[in-house]
Amino acid sequence: MGVIIGKKEYFKNLLEVKYEGQESDNPLAYRYYDKDRMVLGKTMREHFKFAIAYWHSFVNSGNDPFGPGTKIYPWATSSDVYERAYNKMDAAFEFISKLGLEYFCFHDFDLIDEGVSLKESEERLQKISEYASEKISSSNIKVLWGTANLFSNPRYMNGAATNPDFNVVSYAGAQVKNALDITQKLGGENYVFWGGREGYMSLLNTKMKTEIDNMATFLHMAKDYGRSIGFNGNFFIEPKPMEPSKHQYDYDSATVIGFLKEYGLDKDFKLNIEVNHATLAGHTFDHELQVAANADMLGSIDANRGDYQNGWDTDQFPNNIYEIVESLLVIIRSGGLSGGGINFDAKTRRNSTDLDDLFFSHIGGIDIFARSLLIVEKIINDSDYIKLLDERYSSFDSGIGKKFTDRKLNLNDLAIQAKNNGEPTLKSGKQELLENLINRFIF
């Protein structure tokens, strides 16, 4: 439907971002993201479902532990809580439409400031959700996923669903109920849980099994309520190993998958995997994606990157083409994302204070994914990559190797095979050849 302008145009000098091709030198144009271009059987738009993170793009003021915010947003200047929220939503829809995108993600209190009581918070959320419904109904913009902020308020200093005080658990339940209501009201396609404080700082004062059991009970309640109000989308859990907790219960993909299967949540929940969280867990992004895909739980991703010199979640915009190419190889070969998309859970730097910096950062992130997808298409269609990978495991495709994978052998059969064959010959993994192959298509 084109650009959406509210009562005021906030990005006045910035026009709708268009695809101009890789020869363009326009910093406010896409060089690779041609949303209707067919790649590997889908349009780029269908592959990615790019979403804007409401919190980083329209709420984050650039504050850090060493100083206050540096970004003065024109939509955040009013002293009236509702006017600020409406202005912020106008700015968000203008920005998303000028980027030519269709999705956003939100926490409940990104949309409007939390009230001093649960009743006041509910009233505020109802009013802003009415405004959001009007904006959505008159545009092509949709909600990729909603969630509740169960980590910022001091009441959650000891966790939300895992809090040792039942009164806090109850309050978290009320907050999730409201967030689910709004997500359903706005036609949200998914709902996310990030357990920022669902973990511990010290085992000396923690009953870990009690907390994990309670978290499972809480998630079952949320799932059951969501289904009862007609929410048919996926529930996602976003793994992260630590920060702000010393140890979080959703440490990494493998931990989350084990938890979901142990507590019977695996039919309704999938994973939302973030790049920077993967590296904080000591893994690569493609590793975390592959673990989720192996379990048929690869739902959605948060796109960003960390700083390899810093051991915390810096939430920078993605720009590492090697990382994205290898990750898209996993996603494409696994059949794509299940219900989710690519949310830019990334923020401009504290000293990037101009409004056009929001455009430059998102354009760069979008183009790095688009270019990587074109590279992956060539790797799959025009190289021996798949063939080389299949050949490495070809001994399991027929004969006794196939019997092994079909579970038709026992340990004695393996021992007989080993005696008959003798010492196996060494077979190279050809890692350097494959790295060169990837580089060849990148360059």
Protein backbone atom coordinates (compact mmCIF):
# COMPACT_ATOMS: atom_id res chain seq x y z
CA MET A 1 0.00 0.00 0.00
CA GLY A 2 3.02 2.29 -0.16
CA VAL A 3 4.26 4.71 2.48
CA ILE A 4 2.11 5.18 5.58
CA ILE A 5 2.19 8.65 7.13
CA GLY A 6 0.44 9.38 10.42
CA LYS A 7 -0.45 12.74 11.86
CA LYS A 8 3.15 13.81 11.31
CA GLU A 9 5.90 12.62 8.97
CA TYR A 10 8.96 11.76 11.05
CA PHE A 11 11.41 10.68 8.33
CA LYS A 12 10.67 13.65 6.08
CA ASN A 13 13.72 13.62 3.84
CA LEU A 14 13.73 9.85 3.40
CA LEU A 15 11.74 8.32 0.57
CA GLU A 16 10.61 4.73 0.15
CA VAL A 17 13.64 2.44 -0.23
CA LYS A 18 13.65 0.70 -3.61
CA TYR A 19 15.71 -2.04 -5.25
CA GLU A 20 18.20 -0.41 -7.65
CA GLY A 21 20.62 -3.27 -8.35
CA GLN A 22 24.18 -3.92 -7.28
CA GLU A 23 25.65 -1.13 -9.42
CA SER A 24 23.73 1.50 -7.46
CA ASP A 25 25.74 3.85 -5.25
CA ASN A 26 22.62 5.14 -3.49
CA PRO A 27 23.02 4.39 0.25
CA LEU A 28 19.24 4.51 0.63
CA ALA A 29 18.51 1.79 -1.92
CA TYR A 30 18.66 -1.99 -1.93
CA ARG A 31 21.42 -3.39 -4.09
CA TYR A 32 20.46 -7.08 -3.66
CA TYR A 33 17.04 -7.28 -1.99
CA ASP A 34 14.60 -7.57 -4.89
CA LYS A 35 11.62 -8.81 -2.87
CA ASP A 36 9.72 -10.39 -5.77
CA ARG A 37 12.73 -12.13 -7.30
CA MET A 38 12.37 -15.91 -7.37
CA VAL A 39 15.22 -17.77 -5.66
CA LEU A 40 15.13 -21.53 -5.10
CA GLY A 41 11.39 -21.71 -5.63
CA LYS A 42 10.31 -18.75 -3.48
CA THR A 43 10.43 -15.00 -3.67
CA MET A 44 13.00 -13.25 -1.49
CA ARG A 45 10.11 -11.80 0.50
CA GLU A 46 8.83 -15.33 1.26
CA HIS A 47 12.26 -16.63 2.21
CA PHE A 48 12.95 -13.89 4.73
CA LYS A 49 9.77 -12.28 6.15
CA PHE A 50 11.93 -9.44 7.47
CA ALA A 51 10.65 -7.81 10.67
CA ILE A 52 11.58 -4.66 12.55
CA ALA A 53 12.21 -4.88 16.30
CA TYR A 54 9.97 -2.27 17.92
CA TRP A 55 12.21 -1.99 21.01
CA HIS A 56 15.57 -1.33 19.36
CA SER A 57 14.31 0.88 16.55
CA PHE A 58 11.76 3.09 18.32
CA VAL A 59 12.43 2.76 22.06
CA ASN A 60 16.18 2.32 22.56
CA SER A 61 17.67 5.71 23.38
CA GLY A 62 21.33 4.69 23.30
CA ASN A 63 21.79 4.51 27.07
CA ASP A 64 24.37 2.13 28.50
CA PRO A 65 25.80 1.38 31.98
CA PHE A 66 28.15 4.34 31.65
CA GLY A 67 25.76 7.05 30.53
CA PRO A 68 22.22 8.16 29.63
CA GLY A 69 20.66 8.03 26.20
CA THR A 70 21.99 9.99 23.25
CA LYS A 71 19.07 9.63 20.83
CA ILE A 72 16.34 12.26 20.95
CA TYR A 73 13.43 10.75 19.05
CA PRO A 74 10.87 13.29 17.80
CA TRP A 75 8.06 10.81 18.55
CA ALA A 76 9.11 10.53 22.21
CA THR A 77 8.95 14.17 23.32
CA SER A 78 5.34 14.47 24.53
CA SER A 79 4.64 14.38 28.27
CA ASP A 80 1.37 12.50 27.65
CA VAL A 81 1.77 8.71 27.75
CA TYR A 82 -0.87 8.06 25.08
CA GLU A 83 0.32 10.76 22.72
CA ARG A 84 3.87 9.36 22.97
CA ALA A 85 2.61 5.85 22.20
CA TYR A 86 0.50 6.97 19.23
CA ASN A 87 3.35 9.07 17.84
CA LYS A 88 5.77 6.16 18.25
CA MET A 89 3.40 3.86 16.37
CA ASP A 90 2.99 6.43 13.60
CA ALA A 91 6.78 6.59 13.29
CA ALA A 92 7.05 2.79 13.29
CA PHE A 93 4.52 2.29 10.51
CA GLU A 94 6.08 5.08 8.46
CA PHE A 95 9.55 3.55 8.87
CA ILE A 96 8.47 -0.02 8.10
CA SER A 97 6.52 1.07 5.03
CA LYS A 98 9.38 3.23 3.74
CA LEU A 99 11.66 0.18 3.97
CA GLY A 100 9.08 -1.76 1.95
CA LEU A 101 8.74 -4.39 4.69
CA GLU A 102 5.68 -6.08 6.13
CA TYR A 103 6.38 -7.19 9.70
CA PHE A 104 7.32 -5.99 13.16
CA CYS A 105 7.89 -7.66 16.53
CA PHE A 106 7.10 -6.16 19.93
CA HIS A 107 7.17 -6.52 23.70
CA ASP A 108 4.00 -5.41 25.43
CA PHE A 109 5.55 -2.31 27.00
CA ASP A 110 7.40 -1.31 23.87
CA LEU A 111 4.01 -0.25 22.55
CA ILE A 112 3.18 1.95 25.55
CA ASP A 113 4.70 2.64 28.97
CA GLU A 114 3.78 0.24 31.75
CA GLY A 115 1.26 1.62 34.24
CA VAL A 116 1.65 1.90 38.00
CA SER A 117 -0.80 -0.98 38.46
CA LEU A 118 -1.84 -4.05 36.51
CA LYS A 119 -5.24 -2.46 35.88
CA GLU A 120 -3.70 0.70 34.44
CA SER A 121 -1.31 -1.35 32.27
CA GLU A 122 -4.25 -3.34 30.88
CA GLU A 123 -6.13 -0.14 30.06
CA ARG A 124 -3.11 1.33 28.30
CA LEU A 125 -2.49 -1.83 26.29
CA GLN A 126 -6.12 -1.99 25.22
CA LYS A 127 -6.03 1.58 23.91
CA ILE A 128 -2.75 1.26 22.03
CA SER A 129 -3.82 -2.09 20.58
CA GLU A 130 -6.96 -0.45 19.21
CA TYR A 131 -4.76 2.11 17.47
CA ALA A 132 -2.45 -0.65 16.21
CA SER A 133 -5.46 -2.56 14.84
CA GLU A 134 -6.48 0.49 12.82
CA LYS A 135 -2.96 0.89 11.44
CA ILE A 136 -2.71 -2.80 10.52
CA SER A 137 -6.12 -2.94 8.86
CA SER A 138 -5.21 -0.02 6.60
CA SER A 139 -1.79 -1.35 5.59
CA ASN A 140 0.14 -4.47 4.54
CA ILE A 141 2.05 -4.47 7.83
CA LYS A 142 1.59 -7.42 10.19
CA VAL A 143 2.90 -8.77 13.51
CA LEU A 144 5.48 -11.53 13.13
CA TRP A 145 5.44 -12.17 16.86
CA GLY A 146 4.55 -10.57 20.15
CA THR A 147 5.92 -11.15 23.63
CA ALA A 148 5.85 -9.84 27.20
CA ASN A 149 8.75 -8.08 28.89
CA LEU A 150 9.25 -10.28 31.94
CA PHE A 151 12.74 -9.06 32.79
CA SER A 152 13.01 -5.25 33.05
CA ASN A 153 10.71 -4.43 35.98
CA PRO A 154 12.36 -4.84 39.42
CA ARG A 155 9.61 -7.32 40.40
CA TYR A 156 11.35 -9.81 38.09
CA MET A 157 14.81 -9.49 39.63
CA ASN A 158 14.56 -13.15 40.72
CA GLY A 159 12.83 -14.34 37.56
CA ALA A 160 9.26 -14.45 36.30
CA ALA A 161 7.94 -17.98 35.73
CA THR A 162 10.84 -19.29 37.84
CA ASN A 163 10.52 -16.76 40.67
CA PRO A 164 10.56 -18.28 44.20
CA ASP A 165 7.60 -16.00 45.11
CA PHE A 166 4.27 -17.26 43.74
CA ASN A 167 2.88 -13.71 43.75
CA VAL A 168 5.46 -12.73 41.15
CA VAL A 169 4.68 -15.83 39.07
CA SER A 170 1.00 -14.83 39.17
CA TYR A 171 1.79 -11.29 38.04
CA ALA A 172 3.89 -12.67 35.18
CA GLY A 173 0.95 -14.86 34.19
CA ALA A 174 -1.35 -11.86 34.05
CA GLN A 175 1.18 -9.99 31.91
CA VAL A 176 1.53 -12.91 29.47
CA LYS A 177 -2.25 -13.22 29.26
CA ASN A 178 -2.49 -9.56 28.25
CA ALA A 179 0.34 -9.92 25.73
CA LEU A 180 -1.27 -13.01 24.20
CA ASP A 181 -4.60 -11.20 23.98
CA ILE A 182 -2.98 -8.33 22.11
CA THR A 183 -0.95 -10.61 19.84
CA GLN A 184 -4.13 -12.47 18.89
CA LYS A 185 -6.06 -9.21 18.49
CA LEU A 186 -3.43 -7.87 16.08
CA GLY A 187 -3.28 -11.10 14.06
CA GLY A 188 0.20 -12.01 15.32
CA GLU A 189 1.59 -15.08 13.60
CA ASN A 190 3.73 -16.29 16.53
CA TYR A 191 4.47 -15.64 20.20
CA VAL A 192 7.95 -15.64 21.80
CA PHE A 193 9.30 -16.38 25.27
CA TRP A 194 12.76 -15.08 26.15
CA GLY A 195 13.78 -16.08 29.65
CA GLY A 196 16.03 -13.13 30.43
CA ARG A 197 15.92 -13.80 34.15
CA GLU A 198 14.68 -17.40 34.07
CA GLY A 199 17.85 -18.76 35.61
CA TYR A 200 20.01 -18.23 38.68
CA MET A 201 22.80 -16.07 40.02
CA SER A 202 23.83 -18.61 42.68
CA LEU A 203 22.89 -22.21 43.38
CA LEU A 204 23.23 -21.51 47.10
CA ASN A 205 19.75 -19.97 47.15
CA THR A 206 18.20 -21.83 44.21
CA LYS A 207 16.06 -24.96 43.95
CA MET A 208 16.81 -25.57 40.29
CA LYS A 209 14.41 -28.48 39.73
CA THR A 210 11.55 -26.56 41.33
CA GLU A 211 12.23 -23.55 39.12
CA ILE A 212 12.46 -25.57 35.91
CA ASP A 213 9.31 -27.54 36.79
CA ASN A 214 7.49 -24.26 37.45
CA MET A 215 8.68 -22.82 34.15
CA ALA A 216 7.21 -25.83 32.32
CA THR A 217 3.91 -25.47 34.17
CA PHE A 218 3.82 -21.77 33.29
CA LEU A 219 4.47 -22.45 29.59
CA HIS A 220 1.75 -25.11 29.51
CA MET A 221 -0.68 -22.57 30.98
CA ALA A 222 0.32 -19.95 28.40
CA LYS A 223 0.00 -22.45 25.56
CA ASP A 224 -3.39 -23.67 26.75
CA TYR A 225 -4.68 -20.12 27.14
CA GLY A 226 -3.39 -19.11 23.72
CA ARG A 227 -5.15 -22.03 22.07
CA SER A 228 -8.36 -21.28 24.00
CA ILE A 229 -8.56 -17.76 22.50
CA GLY A 230 -7.92 -19.03 18.96
CA PHE A 231 -4.19 -18.39 18.66
CA ASN A 232 -2.99 -21.02 16.19
CA GLY A 233 0.56 -19.81 15.62
CA ASN A 234 3.82 -21.15 16.95
CA PHE A 235 5.14 -20.51 20.41
CA PHE A 236 8.88 -19.83 20.27
CA ILE A 237 11.58 -20.01 22.93
CA GLU A 238 14.70 -17.94 22.37
CA PRO A 239 17.86 -19.57 23.79
CA LYS A 240 20.53 -17.55 25.60
CA PRO A 241 23.20 -18.88 27.98
CA MET A 242 23.55 -16.00 30.45
CA GLU A 243 23.23 -12.22 30.79
CA PRO A 244 21.48 -10.89 32.73
CA SER A 245 21.39 -14.12 34.78
CA LYS A 246 24.63 -15.96 35.48
CA HIS A 247 23.03 -19.10 34.04
CA GLN A 248 19.76 -19.17 32.12
CA TYR A 249 17.65 -22.29 31.78
CA ASP A 250 17.28 -21.75 28.01
CA TYR A 251 21.07 -21.97 27.56
CA ASP A 252 21.23 -23.09 23.92
CA SER A 253 19.24 -24.95 21.26
CA ALA A 254 20.08 -28.41 22.60
CA THR A 255 19.12 -27.44 26.16
CA VAL A 256 15.79 -25.94 25.06
CA ILE A 257 14.92 -28.92 22.87
CA GLY A 258 15.63 -31.32 25.74
CA PHE A 259 13.48 -29.23 28.07
CA LEU A 260 10.57 -29.05 25.62
CA LYS A 261 10.61 -32.80 25.01
CA GLU A 262 10.95 -33.65 28.70
CA TYR A 263 7.89 -31.58 29.61
CA GLY A 264 5.71 -32.43 26.61
CA LEU A 265 5.86 -28.96 25.03
CA ASP A 266 7.58 -29.96 21.79
CA LYS A 267 4.38 -30.13 19.72
CA ASP A 268 3.54 -26.44 20.23
CA PHE A 269 6.95 -24.81 20.71
CA LYS A 270 9.81 -24.14 18.31
CA LEU A 271 12.97 -22.08 18.62
CA ASN A 272 13.72 -18.46 17.82
CA ILE A 273 17.50 -18.38 17.45
CA GLU A 274 19.62 -15.26 17.79
CA VAL A 275 23.10 -14.91 16.30
CA ASN A 276 24.67 -13.14 19.28
CA HIS A 277 23.12 -15.57 21.77
CA ALA A 278 24.66 -18.47 19.84
CA THR A 279 28.14 -17.00 20.07
CA LEU A 280 27.69 -16.23 23.77
CA ALA A 281 26.91 -19.93 24.28
CA GLY A 282 30.21 -20.84 22.63
CA HIS A 283 28.56 -21.98 19.40
CA THR A 284 28.33 -20.71 15.86
CA PHE A 285 25.00 -19.46 14.56
CA ASP A 286 24.80 -22.23 11.96
CA HIS A 287 25.41 -24.83 14.69
CA GLU A 288 22.42 -23.58 16.69
CA LEU A 289 20.28 -23.52 13.54
CA GLN A 290 21.29 -27.06 12.62
CA VAL A 291 20.53 -28.42 16.09
CA ALA A 292 17.04 -26.87 15.93
CA ALA A 293 16.48 -28.09 12.37
CA ASN A 294 17.50 -31.63 13.32
CA ALA A 295 14.67 -31.64 15.87
CA ASP A 296 12.21 -30.03 13.42
CA MET A 297 12.06 -27.00 15.71
CA LEU A 298 13.68 -24.28 13.60
CA GLY A 299 11.03 -21.59 13.84
CA SER A 300 12.47 -18.09 13.50
CA ILE A 301 15.66 -16.08 13.89
CA ASP A 302 16.83 -12.82 15.42
CA ALA A 303 19.40 -11.29 13.09
CA ASN A 304 22.33 -9.43 14.62
CA ARG A 305 25.97 -10.00 15.49
CA GLY A 306 28.25 -9.69 18.48
CA ASP A 307 31.63 -8.07 18.86
CA TYR A 308 34.24 -10.80 19.09
CA GLN A 309 36.29 -8.71 21.51
CA ASN A 310 33.38 -8.30 23.92
CA GLY A 311 31.76 -11.06 25.94
CA TRP A 312 28.27 -9.61 26.02
CA ASP A 313 25.25 -9.14 23.82
CA THR A 314 26.13 -6.09 21.71
CA ASP A 315 23.21 -6.48 19.26
CA GLN A 316 24.99 -5.03 16.23
CA PHE A 317 23.49 -5.25 12.77
CA PRO A 318 24.63 -8.28 10.71
CA ASN A 319 27.42 -7.67 8.20
CA ASN A 320 29.39 -10.93 8.16
CA ILE A 321 28.63 -12.53 4.81
CA TYR A 322 30.48 -15.76 5.65
CA GLU A 323 28.32 -16.24 8.74
CA ILE A 324 25.07 -15.55 6.88
CA VAL A 325 25.96 -17.73 3.86
CA GLU A 326 26.76 -20.72 6.08
CA SER A 327 23.59 -20.12 8.10
CA LEU A 328 21.36 -19.85 5.03
CA LEU A 329 22.83 -23.11 3.74
CA VAL A 330 21.45 -24.74 6.89
CA ILE A 331 18.08 -22.96 6.68
CA ILE A 332 17.52 -23.64 2.97
CA ARG A 333 18.64 -27.28 3.11
CA SER A 334 16.39 -27.80 6.17
CA GLY A 335 13.30 -26.58 4.35
CA GLY A 336 13.22 -23.01 5.65
CA LEU A 337 11.84 -21.42 8.80
CA SER A 338 8.66 -22.85 10.34
CA GLY A 339 6.27 -19.96 10.70
CA GLY A 340 8.78 -17.30 11.67
CA GLY A 341 11.01 -14.91 9.81
CA ILE A 342 14.06 -12.70 10.29
CA ASN A 343 13.67 -10.11 13.02
CA PHE A 344 16.37 -7.46 13.20
CA ASP A 345 17.02 -7.66 16.93
CA ALA A 346 19.78 -5.11 16.46
CA LYS A 347 20.33 -1.49 17.41
CA THR A 348 22.27 1.39 15.97
CA ARG A 349 25.33 2.34 18.00
CA ARG A 350 25.12 4.82 20.85
CA ASN A 351 26.92 7.44 18.76
CA SER A 352 24.73 6.86 15.68
CA THR A 353 22.24 9.57 16.51
CA ASP A 354 20.68 10.58 13.17
CA LEU A 355 17.34 9.17 12.05
CA ASP A 356 18.83 8.10 8.72
CA ASP A 357 21.15 5.75 10.65
CA LEU A 358 18.08 3.58 11.25
CA PHE A 359 17.71 3.28 7.48
CA PHE A 360 21.39 2.61 6.75
CA SER A 361 21.57 -0.15 9.38
CA HIS A 362 18.45 -1.99 8.23
CA ILE A 363 19.25 -1.63 4.52
CA GLY A 364 22.69 -3.11 5.15
CA GLY A 365 21.28 -6.02 7.15
CA ILE A 366 18.59 -6.75 4.57
CA ASP A 367 21.05 -6.63 1.68
CA ILE A 368 23.55 -8.93 3.41
CA PHE A 369 20.83 -11.58 3.69
CA ALA A 370 19.67 -11.05 0.12
CA ARG A 371 23.18 -11.25 -1.30
CA SER A 372 23.88 -14.34 0.81
CA LEU A 373 20.74 -16.02 -0.52
CA LEU A 374 21.88 -15.45 -4.11
CA ILE A 375 25.24 -16.96 -3.23
CA VAL A 376 23.60 -19.98 -1.61
CA GLU A 377 21.45 -20.47 -4.72
CA LYS A 378 24.60 -20.67 -6.86
CA ILE A 379 26.35 -22.99 -4.39
CA ILE A 380 23.40 -25.38 -4.47
CA ASN A 381 22.74 -25.21 -8.22
CA ASP A 382 26.18 -24.66 -9.73
CA SER A 383 28.67 -26.43 -7.49
CA ASP A 384 29.58 -29.89 -6.19
CA TYR A 385 28.88 -28.89 -2.59
CA ILE A 386 25.87 -31.19 -2.05
CA LYS A 387 27.55 -33.99 -4.00
CA LEU A 388 30.74 -33.77 -1.92
CA LEU A 389 28.74 -33.76 1.29
CA ASP A 390 26.67 -36.77 0.21
CA GLU A 391 29.75 -38.69 -0.95
CA ARG A 392 31.33 -38.32 2.48
CA TYR A 393 28.44 -40.32 3.98
CA SER A 394 27.82 -42.63 1.02
CA SER A 395 28.91 -45.74 2.95
CA PHE A 396 25.57 -45.56 4.79
CA ASP A 397 23.50 -45.50 1.58
CA SER A 398 23.65 -49.20 0.69
CA GLY A 399 24.83 -52.62 1.83
CA ILE A 400 25.72 -53.21 5.44
CA GLY A 401 26.00 -49.48 6.11
CA LYS A 402 22.34 -49.07 5.16
CA LYS A 403 21.44 -51.96 7.48
CA PHE A 404 23.17 -50.05 10.29
CA THR A 405 21.11 -46.89 9.70
CA ASP A 406 17.96 -49.03 9.47
CA ARG A 407 18.87 -50.51 12.88
CA LYS A 408 19.07 -54.05 11.51
CA LEU A 409 22.51 -54.82 12.98
CA ASN A 410 23.82 -55.54 16.45
CA LEU A 411 27.21 -54.97 18.04
CA ASN A 412 28.40 -58.46 17.06
CA ASP A 413 27.64 -57.61 13.41
CA LEU A 414 29.85 -54.52 13.70
CA ALA A 415 32.64 -56.61 15.22
CA ILE A 416 32.44 -59.16 12.35
CA GLN A 417 32.49 -56.33 9.79
CA ALA A 418 35.56 -54.79 11.44
CA LYS A 419 37.44 -58.12 11.45
CA ASN A 420 36.61 -58.81 7.82
CA ASN A 421 37.58 -55.31 6.63
CA GLY A 422 40.64 -54.73 8.78
CA GLU A 423 42.05 -51.28 9.54
CA PRO A 424 39.97 -48.58 7.77
CA THR A 425 41.75 -46.31 5.31
CA LEU A 426 41.87 -42.63 6.20
CA LYS A 427 39.41 -40.48 4.27
CA SER A 428 39.93 -36.73 4.14
CA GLY A 429 37.16 -34.42 5.30
CA LYS A 430 38.12 -31.94 2.53
CA GLN A 431 37.36 -28.98 4.80
CA GLU A 432 39.75 -26.65 2.99
CA LEU A 433 38.29 -27.60 -0.39
CA LEU A 434 34.79 -26.75 0.84
CA GLU A 435 35.96 -23.48 2.40
CA ASN A 436 37.53 -22.53 -0.92
CA LEU A 437 34.31 -23.48 -2.73
CA ILE A 438 32.27 -21.18 -0.48
CA ASN A 439 34.80 -18.38 -0.95
CA ARG A 440 34.71 -18.80 -4.71
CA PHE A 441 30.98 -18.12 -4.80
CA ILE A 442 31.17 -15.29 -2.28
CA PHE A 443 33.80 -13.54 -4.38
